[in-house]
Every structure is written in structure tokens, then in C-alpha cells.
Amino acid sequence: MSLDGVIQGPGGPEEDTTGGFELGGWSATQWDDSMQQFLNEVMQQDYDLLLGRFTYHIWEPYWPKQTGPIAEKFNRIKKYVATRTLREAHWEGTVLLNDNAIEQVKALKAGDGPDLQMWGSADFIQSLRRYGLIDQMNIMIFPVVLGRGKRLFAEGTVPGNFKMTRHIVSTTGVVIATYEPDGEVPIGRAGGG
């Protein structure tokens, strides 16, 4: 995300132009080896994907046409999609969560399957946080301010405290941080008084 919390269209100009967003591709020039190493580590874990409908809409036509380790994995594993509108999917391995997505995610988490990994899906992430269904967040904070666009923590986000369990700073100034939920927001007074 950007310093001001925007997660819209990081990969390219045409990725997500919703609302007239014109700054797509803002993350592409800031990658370095440490970021790629972190991404490779995350991608090698055992997981299925959990996506919101809009992120799935972007990914479904893209990933089946790609090659390489990430595409191979994404195309092989299950993709669970929270949606009220999609009734069919064309990307192999897609499972539509059309009923009560929150209850369906609870059942998936309680089952024997692999971890669920999310990318994008800001609105759906907020719903999952509301029900305590996010165990860990890996956030790459890029040193740019975009001023507008879809935000990871938009108005209406459920308050909460997090603990940082890992962090890396790239050569380009990107902070890669892993956070886990840590209860309610602690309230105090500056200066201890």
C-alpha cells in the first residue's frame, strides 16, 4: 500500500481504473531483491487463495495466460471467491462462496485444508476483520502518497491493535511488515498523566 493507505492498481496502469484512478503501476518501479525474496518465501507456502469478487475479476483473465512459478501455483490451487453476483467462474479450481461467505470462510478455517492467502480485496478484508478471521497481514508500505484510490483501511474499518512480528526495509524504502491481531486499541494519555 502507499503511505496514505491506497492499494488500488499497484501493478499497472490498466489494472484498476475504478473511479477514474490514473496512478496505476505505482509500485512497479520500486522492487528490489529483498522484496522478491520475501515474495518468493510467501508464495512457496502451502495455501489456497481467498479473494473478493473485484480482485478475482482482475485476476481471472490474467493468471491463466501467465507462465512461471507464481502463475503455475495460482492456476493449480483452489481459489475461493466471496461474491453475491458471480454464478459461474472460468478459472480452473475456482469455488464461489455465494451463500454466507463469512460462515463459509469460518468452515474453511476450521477444516483440514491449507492456509488461506488474500491479495487485494480491501472490502472483503474488512468483513473478515470484523469477525476475527484475519490471523496475519503482510503489508508492503511503499514510499509514495497517491491522494486517492481504494484504501486498505477505509472509513468504517473496525478498530484494533496489532503486533509486528517481522519487518524488512528494502533498498528502495519499502517497509515490508508482518502484523498479527493483538486485541483492542490500548487507550492511554500522552506523557502518562
C-alpha atoms as a PDB file:
ATOM      1  CA  MET A   1       0.000   0.000   0.000  1.00  0.00           C
ATOM      2  CA  SER A   2       1.009   3.626  -0.342  1.00  0.00           C
ATOM      3  CA  LEU A   3       1.903   5.754   2.688  1.00  0.00           C
ATOM      4  CA  ASP A   4      -1.663   7.073   2.643  1.00  0.00           C
ATOM      5  CA  GLY A   5      -3.116   3.536   2.588  1.00  0.00           C
ATOM      6  CA  VAL A   6      -4.060   3.172  -1.095  1.00  0.00           C
ATOM      7  CA  ILE A   7      -3.910  -0.358  -2.516  1.00  0.00           C
ATOM      8  CA  GLN A   8      -5.601   0.306  -5.870  1.00  0.00           C
ATOM      9  CA  GLY A   9      -3.801  -0.601  -9.091  1.00  0.00           C
ATOM     10  CA  PRO A  10      -0.265  -1.207  -7.841  1.00  0.00           C
ATOM     11  CA  GLY A  11       0.730  -3.471 -10.739  1.00  0.00           C
ATOM     12  CA  GLY A  12      -0.047  -1.450 -13.830  1.00  0.00           C
ATOM     13  CA  PRO A  13      -1.922   1.468 -15.397  1.00  0.00           C
ATOM     14  CA  GLU A  14      -4.884  -0.642 -16.585  1.00  0.00           C
ATOM     15  CA  GLU A  15      -5.130  -2.906 -13.530  1.00  0.00           C
ATOM     16  CA  ASP A  16      -7.916  -0.988 -11.737  1.00  0.00           C
ATOM     17  CA  THR A  17      -9.110   2.362 -13.046  1.00  0.00           C
ATOM     18  CA  THR A  18     -12.294   2.371 -10.944  1.00  0.00           C
ATOM     19  CA  GLY A  19     -13.380   5.892 -10.025  1.00  0.00           C
ATOM     20  CA  GLY A  20     -11.052   7.409 -12.636  1.00  0.00           C
ATOM     21  CA  PHE A  21      -7.909   6.210 -10.823  1.00  0.00           C
ATOM     22  CA  GLU A  22      -4.967   7.211 -13.054  1.00  0.00           C
ATOM     23  CA  LEU A  23      -1.932   6.254 -10.979  1.00  0.00           C
ATOM     24  CA  GLY A  24      -1.947   2.508 -11.596  1.00  0.00           C
ATOM     25  CA  GLY A  25       1.506   0.947 -11.652  1.00  0.00           C
ATOM     26  CA  TRP A  26       2.794   2.988  -8.711  1.00  0.00           C
ATOM     27  CA  SER A  27       4.639   0.024  -7.138  1.00  0.00           C
ATOM     28  CA  ALA A  28       6.280  -1.417 -10.249  1.00  0.00           C
ATOM     29  CA  THR A  29       9.483   0.648 -10.256  1.00  0.00           C
ATOM     30  CA  GLN A  30      10.335   0.120  -6.586  1.00  0.00           C
ATOM     31  CA  TRP A  31      11.057  -3.617  -6.436  1.00  0.00           C
ATOM     32  CA  ASP A  32      14.406  -4.919  -5.239  1.00  0.00           C
ATOM     33  CA  ASP A  33      15.939  -8.298  -4.390  1.00  0.00           C
ATOM     34  CA  SER A  34      14.819  -8.267  -0.739  1.00  0.00           C
ATOM     35  CA  MET A  35      11.200  -7.727  -1.789  1.00  0.00           C
ATOM     36  CA  GLN A  36      11.425 -10.500  -4.364  1.00  0.00           C
ATOM     37  CA  GLN A  37      12.954 -12.827  -1.755  1.00  0.00           C
ATOM     38  CA  PHE A  38      10.107 -12.078   0.675  1.00  0.00           C
ATOM     39  CA  LEU A  39       7.505 -12.605  -2.046  1.00  0.00           C
ATOM     40  CA  ASN A  40       9.116 -15.913  -3.065  1.00  0.00           C
ATOM     41  CA  GLU A  41       9.047 -17.065   0.561  1.00  0.00           C
ATOM     42  CA  VAL A  42       5.356 -16.191   0.934  1.00  0.00           C
ATOM     43  CA  MET A  43       4.473 -17.814  -2.391  1.00  0.00           C
ATOM     44  CA  GLN A  44       6.221 -21.090  -1.536  1.00  0.00           C
ATOM     45  CA  GLN A  45       3.986 -21.699   1.473  1.00  0.00           C
ATOM     46  CA  ASP A  46       1.104 -24.169   1.280  1.00  0.00           C
ATOM     47  CA  TYR A  47      -2.093 -22.151   0.724  1.00  0.00           C
ATOM     48  CA  ASP A  48      -5.262 -21.652  -1.259  1.00  0.00           C
ATOM     49  CA  LEU A  49      -6.414 -18.206  -2.380  1.00  0.00           C
ATOM     50  CA  LEU A  50      -9.303 -16.295  -0.844  1.00  0.00           C
ATOM     51  CA  LEU A  51     -10.394 -13.359  -2.970  1.00  0.00           C
ATOM     52  CA  GLY A  52     -13.109 -10.762  -3.181  1.00  0.00           C
ATOM     53  CA  ARG A  53     -15.133 -10.557  -6.372  1.00  0.00           C
ATOM     54  CA  PHE A  54     -13.371  -7.483  -7.770  1.00  0.00           C
ATOM     55  CA  THR A  55      -9.838  -8.846  -7.290  1.00  0.00           C
ATOM     56  CA  TYR A  56     -10.992 -12.123  -8.826  1.00  0.00           C
ATOM     57  CA  HIS A  57     -12.411 -10.145 -11.763  1.00  0.00           C
ATOM     58  CA  ILE A  58      -8.922  -8.692 -12.380  1.00  0.00           C
ATOM     59  CA  TRP A  59      -7.051 -11.976 -11.852  1.00  0.00           C
ATOM     60  CA  GLU A  60      -9.296 -14.467 -13.690  1.00  0.00           C
ATOM     61  CA  PRO A  61      -8.396 -13.318 -17.227  1.00  0.00           C
ATOM     62  CA  TYR A  62      -4.752 -12.573 -16.320  1.00  0.00           C
ATOM     63  CA  TRP A  63      -3.210 -15.517 -14.443  1.00  0.00           C
ATOM     64  CA  PRO A  64      -4.294 -18.432 -16.688  1.00  0.00           C
ATOM     65  CA  LYS A  65      -2.330 -16.792 -19.534  1.00  0.00           C
ATOM     66  CA  GLN A  66       0.875 -16.341 -17.489  1.00  0.00           C
ATOM     67  CA  THR A  67       3.836 -18.682 -17.003  1.00  0.00           C
ATOM     68  CA  GLY A  68       6.371 -19.093 -14.213  1.00  0.00           C
ATOM     69  CA  PRO A  69       6.204 -20.344 -10.629  1.00  0.00           C
ATOM     70  CA  ILE A  70       3.589 -17.884  -9.332  1.00  0.00           C
ATOM     71  CA  ALA A  71       1.225 -18.429 -12.258  1.00  0.00           C
ATOM     72  CA  GLU A  72       1.731 -22.180 -12.064  1.00  0.00           C
ATOM     73  CA  LYS A  73       0.778 -22.181  -8.389  1.00  0.00           C
ATOM     74  CA  PHE A  74      -2.158 -19.780  -8.721  1.00  0.00           C
ATOM     75  CA  ASN A  75      -3.541 -21.844 -11.598  1.00  0.00           C
ATOM     76  CA  ARG A  76      -3.158 -25.122  -9.673  1.00  0.00           C
ATOM     77  CA  ILE A  77      -4.556 -24.252  -6.237  1.00  0.00           C
ATOM     78  CA  LYS A  78      -8.142 -23.552  -5.214  1.00  0.00           C
ATOM     79  CA  LYS A  79      -9.441 -20.008  -5.494  1.00  0.00           C
ATOM     80  CA  TYR A  80     -12.301 -19.226  -3.081  1.00  0.00           C
ATOM     81  CA  VAL A  81     -14.219 -16.132  -4.177  1.00  0.00           C
ATOM     82  CA  ALA A  82     -16.650 -14.216  -1.988  1.00  0.00           C
ATOM     83  CA  THR A  83     -19.368 -12.954  -4.302  1.00  0.00           C
ATOM     84  CA  ARG A  84     -23.054 -12.178  -4.331  1.00  0.00           C
ATOM     85  CA  THR A  85     -23.206 -11.735  -8.106  1.00  0.00           C
ATOM     86  CA  LEU A  86     -20.992 -14.316  -9.859  1.00  0.00           C
ATOM     87  CA  ARG A  87     -22.780 -17.576 -10.612  1.00  0.00           C
ATOM     88  CA  GLU A  88     -20.058 -19.215 -12.689  1.00  0.00           C
ATOM     89  CA  ALA A  89     -16.288 -18.972 -12.958  1.00  0.00           C
ATOM     90  CA  HIS A  90     -13.978 -19.937 -15.790  1.00  0.00           C
ATOM     91  CA  TRP A  91     -10.638 -20.112 -13.946  1.00  0.00           C
ATOM     92  CA  GLU A  92      -9.966 -23.742 -13.112  1.00  0.00           C
ATOM     93  CA  GLY A  93     -10.137 -24.525  -9.399  1.00  0.00           C
ATOM     94  CA  THR A  94     -12.458 -21.621  -8.527  1.00  0.00           C
ATOM     95  CA  VAL A  95     -15.029 -22.137  -5.781  1.00  0.00           C
ATOM     96  CA  LEU A  96     -17.666 -19.427  -5.463  1.00  0.00           C
ATOM     97  CA  LEU A  97     -18.748 -18.521  -1.942  1.00  0.00           C
ATOM     98  CA  ASN A  98     -22.254 -17.350  -2.899  1.00  0.00           C
ATOM     99  CA  ASP A  99     -24.109 -18.058   0.300  1.00  0.00           C
ATOM    100  CA  ASN A 100     -22.863 -16.607   3.588  1.00  0.00           C
ATOM    101  CA  ALA A 101     -19.197 -16.007   2.748  1.00  0.00           C
ATOM    102  CA  ILE A 102     -18.252 -15.318   6.375  1.00  0.00           C
ATOM    103  CA  GLU A 103     -19.681 -18.644   7.552  1.00  0.00           C
ATOM    104  CA  GLN A 104     -18.082 -20.419   4.603  1.00  0.00           C
ATOM    105  CA  VAL A 105     -14.679 -18.907   5.476  1.00  0.00           C
ATOM    106  CA  LYS A 106     -15.139 -19.964   9.112  1.00  0.00           C
ATOM    107  CA  ALA A 107     -15.768 -23.518   7.913  1.00  0.00           C
ATOM    108  CA  LEU A 108     -12.698 -23.443   5.652  1.00  0.00           C
ATOM    109  CA  LYS A 109     -10.502 -22.192   8.510  1.00  0.00           C
ATOM    110  CA  ALA A 110     -11.846 -24.939  10.805  1.00  0.00           C
ATOM    111  CA  GLY A 111     -11.164 -27.634   8.191  1.00  0.00           C
ATOM    112  CA  ASP A 112      -8.027 -29.576   7.309  1.00  0.00           C
ATOM    113  CA  GLY A 113      -7.139 -27.543   4.222  1.00  0.00           C
ATOM    114  CA  PRO A 114      -4.146 -25.264   3.746  1.00  0.00           C
ATOM    115  CA  ASP A 115      -3.968 -21.670   4.949  1.00  0.00           C
ATOM    116  CA  LEU A 116      -5.930 -19.075   3.007  1.00  0.00           C
ATOM    117  CA  GLN A 117      -3.953 -16.239   1.468  1.00  0.00           C
ATOM    118  CA  MET A 118      -5.533 -12.996   0.260  1.00  0.00           C
ATOM    119  CA  TRP A 119      -4.273 -10.341  -2.133  1.00  0.00           C
ATOM    120  CA  GLY A 120      -6.129  -7.066  -2.608  1.00  0.00           C
ATOM    121  CA  SER A 121      -9.816  -7.500  -1.739  1.00  0.00           C
ATOM    122  CA  ALA A 122      -9.883  -4.497   0.610  1.00  0.00           C
ATOM    123  CA  ASP A 123     -13.643  -4.566   1.212  1.00  0.00           C
ATOM    124  CA  PHE A 124     -13.668  -8.290   1.935  1.00  0.00           C
ATOM    125  CA  ILE A 125     -10.684  -7.958   4.277  1.00  0.00           C
ATOM    126  CA  GLN A 126     -12.696  -5.518   6.396  1.00  0.00           C
ATOM    127  CA  SER A 127     -15.562  -8.008   6.659  1.00  0.00           C
ATOM    128  CA  LEU A 128     -13.150 -10.763   7.694  1.00  0.00           C
ATOM    129  CA  ARG A 129     -11.509  -8.489  10.299  1.00  0.00           C
ATOM    130  CA  ARG A 130     -14.925  -7.650  11.743  1.00  0.00           C
ATOM    131  CA  TYR A 131     -15.391 -11.371  12.506  1.00  0.00           C
ATOM    132  CA  GLY A 132     -11.823 -12.012  13.708  1.00  0.00           C
ATOM    133  CA  LEU A 133     -10.908 -14.114  10.666  1.00  0.00           C
ATOM    134  CA  ILE A 134      -7.572 -12.481   9.781  1.00  0.00           C
ATOM    135  CA  ASP A 135      -4.632 -14.179  11.511  1.00  0.00           C
ATOM    136  CA  GLN A 136      -1.764 -12.309   9.861  1.00  0.00           C
ATOM    137  CA  MET A 137      -1.226  -9.424   7.470  1.00  0.00           C
ATOM    138  CA  ASN A 138       1.855  -8.931   5.314  1.00  0.00           C
ATOM    139  CA  ILE A 139       1.838  -5.310   4.224  1.00  0.00           C
ATOM    140  CA  MET A 140       4.332  -3.688   1.870  1.00  0.00           C
ATOM    141  CA  ILE A 141       4.283   0.058   2.523  1.00  0.00           C
ATOM    142  CA  PHE A 142       5.637   1.968  -0.469  1.00  0.00           C
ATOM    143  CA  PRO A 143       7.127   5.470  -0.045  1.00  0.00           C
ATOM    144  CA  VAL A 144       4.534   7.191  -2.241  1.00  0.00           C
ATOM    145  CA  VAL A 145       1.434   9.256  -1.467  1.00  0.00           C
ATOM    146  CA  LEU A 146      -1.367   8.851  -4.007  1.00  0.00           C
ATOM    147  CA  GLY A 147      -4.047  11.091  -2.529  1.00  0.00           C
ATOM    148  CA  ARG A 148      -6.959   8.984  -3.724  1.00  0.00           C
ATOM    149  CA  GLY A 149      -7.944   5.446  -4.529  1.00  0.00           C
ATOM    150  CA  LYS A 150      -9.183   2.358  -2.718  1.00  0.00           C
ATOM    151  CA  ARG A 151      -7.676   2.152   0.751  1.00  0.00           C
ATOM    152  CA  LEU A 152      -6.801  -0.889   2.810  1.00  0.00           C
ATOM    153  CA  PHE A 153      -8.224   0.743   5.932  1.00  0.00           C
ATOM    154  CA  ALA A 154     -11.040   2.947   4.661  1.00  0.00           C
ATOM    155  CA  GLU A 155     -13.743   4.743   6.633  1.00  0.00           C
ATOM    156  CA  GLY A 156     -15.650   2.227   8.754  1.00  0.00           C
ATOM    157  CA  THR A 157     -12.663  -0.029   9.465  1.00  0.00           C
ATOM    158  CA  VAL A 158     -13.004  -1.934  12.730  1.00  0.00           C
ATOM    159  CA  PRO A 159     -10.527  -0.545  15.306  1.00  0.00           C
ATOM    160  CA  GLY A 160      -7.899  -2.978  16.545  1.00  0.00           C
ATOM    161  CA  ASN A 161      -4.366  -3.299  17.873  1.00  0.00           C
ATOM    162  CA  PHE A 162      -1.659  -5.245  16.023  1.00  0.00           C
ATOM    163  CA  LYS A 163       1.778  -6.517  16.929  1.00  0.00           C
ATOM    164  CA  MET A 164       4.581  -6.536  14.397  1.00  0.00           C
ATOM    165  CA  THR A 165       6.206  -9.954  14.145  1.00  0.00           C
ATOM    166  CA  ARG A 166       8.644  -9.227  11.325  1.00  0.00           C
ATOM    167  CA  HIS A 167       9.898  -6.338   9.237  1.00  0.00           C
ATOM    168  CA  ILE A 168      12.277  -5.683   6.380  1.00  0.00           C
ATOM    169  CA  VAL A 169      13.187  -2.396   4.714  1.00  0.00           C
ATOM    170  CA  SER A 170      14.070  -2.618   1.030  1.00  0.00           C
ATOM    171  CA  THR A 171      16.792  -0.617  -0.680  1.00  0.00           C
ATOM    172  CA  THR A 172      14.023   1.486  -2.271  1.00  0.00           C
ATOM    173  CA  GLY A 173      12.475   2.372   1.098  1.00  0.00           C
ATOM    174  CA  VAL A 174       9.582  -0.094   1.015  1.00  0.00           C
ATOM    175  CA  VAL A 175       8.722  -1.344   4.508  1.00  0.00           C
ATOM    176  CA  ILE A 176       7.619  -4.979   4.489  1.00  0.00           C
ATOM    177  CA  ALA A 177       5.850  -5.663   7.762  1.00  0.00           C
ATOM    178  CA  THR A 178       4.065  -8.698   9.151  1.00  0.00           C
ATOM    179  CA  TYR A 179       1.324  -7.944  11.674  1.00  0.00           C
ATOM    180  CA  GLU A 180      -0.881 -10.151  13.831  1.00  0.00           C
ATOM    181  CA  PRO A 181      -4.060  -9.040  15.646  1.00  0.00           C
ATOM    182  CA  ASP A 182      -3.368  -8.125  19.271  1.00  0.00           C
ATOM    183  CA  GLY A 183      -6.678  -7.211  20.874  1.00  0.00           C
ATOM    184  CA  GLU A 184      -8.364  -3.874  21.239  1.00  0.00           C
ATOM    185  CA  VAL A 185      -6.777  -0.484  20.762  1.00  0.00           C
ATOM    186  CA  PRO A 186      -4.962   0.377  24.014  1.00  0.00           C
ATOM    187  CA  ILE A 187      -6.022   3.777  25.285  1.00  0.00           C
ATOM    188  CA  GLY A 188      -3.753   5.980  27.383  1.00  0.00           C
ATOM    189  CA  ARG A 189      -2.658   9.546  27.858  1.00  0.00           C
ATOM    190  CA  ALA A 190       0.493  11.011  26.310  1.00  0.00           C
ATOM    191  CA  GLY A 191       3.099  11.621  28.985  1.00  0.00           C
ATOM    192  CA  GLY A 192       1.455   9.093  31.298  1.00  0.00           C
ATOM    193  CA  GLY A 193      -0.628  11.681  33.149  1.00  0.00           C
END
